[in-house]
Amino acid sequence: MNDRHAISPYPIRMPVELRRRLEEGAKAGSRSLHAEIISRLEESFRPQGPEVELLQRVGSPKVKVGPQMEMLLSSFASQIELEIQRQAQELAEDRAKKE
């Protein structure tokens, strides 16, 4: 038995809408619902994410950002990255059709 099976499961009840949103996020990130939940929980404990550091480096005033805002920024950055990947894939497919 490996280490991950040594950890006892923890059943969790959640609103249907929250589960739907988590499932969509998992699908968009090509991961399981479990991995999505773990990722989001770990992200909520990170003291300061790269998005906040980037905002501070580009000259924005120092802003204290809480975990919820950090999670929102991270989610937004992920959505942008997925959209860029989708558009790049469409461009590649269009070029392949023209050749």
Protein backbone atom coordinates (compact mmCIF):
# COMPACT_ATOMS: atom_id res chain seq x y z
CA MET A 1 0.00 0.00 0.00
CA ASN A 2 1.42 3.40 -0.92
CA ASP A 3 1.27 6.55 1.21
CA ARG A 4 -1.79 8.06 -0.43
CA HIS A 5 -3.88 5.05 0.64
CA ALA A 6 -2.68 5.44 4.22
CA ILE A 7 -4.64 8.69 4.45
CA SER A 8 -8.25 8.02 5.36
CA PRO A 9 -10.87 9.49 3.02
CA TYR A 10 -12.82 12.51 4.19
CA PRO A 11 -16.32 12.69 2.76
CA ILE A 12 -17.47 16.24 2.12
CA ARG A 13 -20.92 17.65 1.48
CA MET A 14 -21.16 20.74 -0.67
CA PRO A 15 -23.80 22.71 -2.53
CA VAL A 16 -24.63 21.35 -5.97
CA GLU A 17 -23.60 24.60 -7.67
CA LEU A 18 -20.18 24.57 -5.97
CA ARG A 19 -19.58 20.99 -7.06
CA ARG A 20 -20.57 21.88 -10.62
CA ARG A 21 -18.10 24.77 -10.65
CA LEU A 22 -15.34 22.57 -9.21
CA GLU A 23 -16.05 19.90 -11.83
CA GLU A 24 -15.85 22.53 -14.59
CA GLY A 25 -12.54 23.76 -13.19
CA ALA A 26 -11.24 20.20 -13.01
CA LYS A 27 -12.26 19.53 -16.60
CA ALA A 28 -10.69 22.79 -17.80
CA GLY A 29 -7.47 21.90 -15.99
CA SER A 30 -7.51 18.27 -17.18
CA ARG A 31 -7.51 16.87 -13.68
CA SER A 32 -9.76 14.92 -11.36
CA LEU A 33 -12.27 16.55 -9.03
CA HIS A 34 -10.12 15.40 -6.11
CA ALA A 35 -7.00 17.02 -7.60
CA GLU A 36 -8.96 20.24 -8.27
CA ILE A 37 -10.18 20.45 -4.67
CA ILE A 38 -6.69 19.73 -3.26
CA SER A 39 -5.13 22.31 -5.58
CA ARG A 40 -7.61 25.00 -4.59
CA LEU A 41 -7.21 24.24 -0.89
CA GLU A 42 -3.42 24.37 -1.13
CA GLU A 43 -3.67 27.64 -3.06
CA SER A 44 -5.79 29.17 -0.30
CA PHE A 45 -2.97 28.64 2.20
CA ARG A 46 -0.24 30.19 0.03
CA PRO A 47 0.71 33.49 1.67
CA GLN A 48 1.27 35.35 -1.57
CA GLY A 49 0.82 34.07 -5.09
CA PRO A 50 2.79 34.95 -8.21
CA GLU A 51 -0.04 37.12 -9.51
CA VAL A 52 0.17 39.40 -6.47
CA GLU A 53 3.97 39.56 -6.75
CA LEU A 54 3.64 40.52 -10.41
CA LEU A 55 1.20 43.30 -9.58
CA GLN A 56 3.58 44.67 -6.99
CA ARG A 57 6.59 44.50 -9.35
CA VAL A 58 4.86 46.49 -12.10
CA GLY A 59 4.42 49.43 -9.79
CA SER A 60 0.96 49.05 -8.34
CA PRO A 61 0.62 50.35 -4.80
CA LYS A 62 1.13 47.78 -2.09
CA VAL A 63 -2.15 46.05 -1.66
CA LYS A 64 -2.95 43.46 0.92
CA VAL A 65 -4.81 40.70 -0.84
CA GLY A 66 -6.66 38.06 1.07
CA PRO A 67 -6.82 34.38 0.17
CA GLN A 68 -10.15 34.74 -1.64
CA MET A 69 -8.84 37.48 -3.93
CA GLU A 70 -5.65 35.52 -4.50
CA MET A 71 -7.72 32.49 -5.48
CA LEU A 72 -9.80 34.64 -7.82
CA LEU A 73 -6.67 36.09 -9.45
CA SER A 74 -5.18 32.63 -9.83
CA SER A 75 -8.41 31.31 -11.35
CA PHE A 76 -8.53 34.26 -13.75
CA ALA A 77 -4.90 33.68 -14.79
CA SER A 78 -5.68 29.99 -15.39
CA GLN A 79 -8.69 30.87 -17.54
CA ILE A 80 -6.59 33.27 -19.62
CA GLU A 81 -3.91 30.62 -20.08
CA LEU A 82 -6.51 28.05 -21.19
CA GLU A 83 -8.02 30.54 -23.65
CA ILE A 84 -4.59 31.31 -25.11
CA GLN A 85 -3.93 27.58 -25.51
CA ARG A 86 -7.33 27.10 -27.17
CA GLN A 87 -6.71 29.92 -29.61
CA ALA A 88 -3.21 28.66 -30.39
CA GLN A 89 -4.67 25.21 -31.10
CA GLU A 90 -7.28 26.73 -33.44
CA LEU A 91 -4.56 28.67 -35.30
CA ALA A 92 -2.46 25.51 -35.66
CA GLU A 93 -5.47 23.59 -37.01
CA ASP A 94 -6.29 26.39 -39.47
CA ARG A 95 -2.69 26.44 -40.72
CA ALA A 96 -2.69 22.65 -41.09
CA LYS A 97 -5.90 22.82 -43.18
CA LYS A 98 -4.36 25.45 -45.49
CA GLU A 99 -1.24 23.34 -46.15
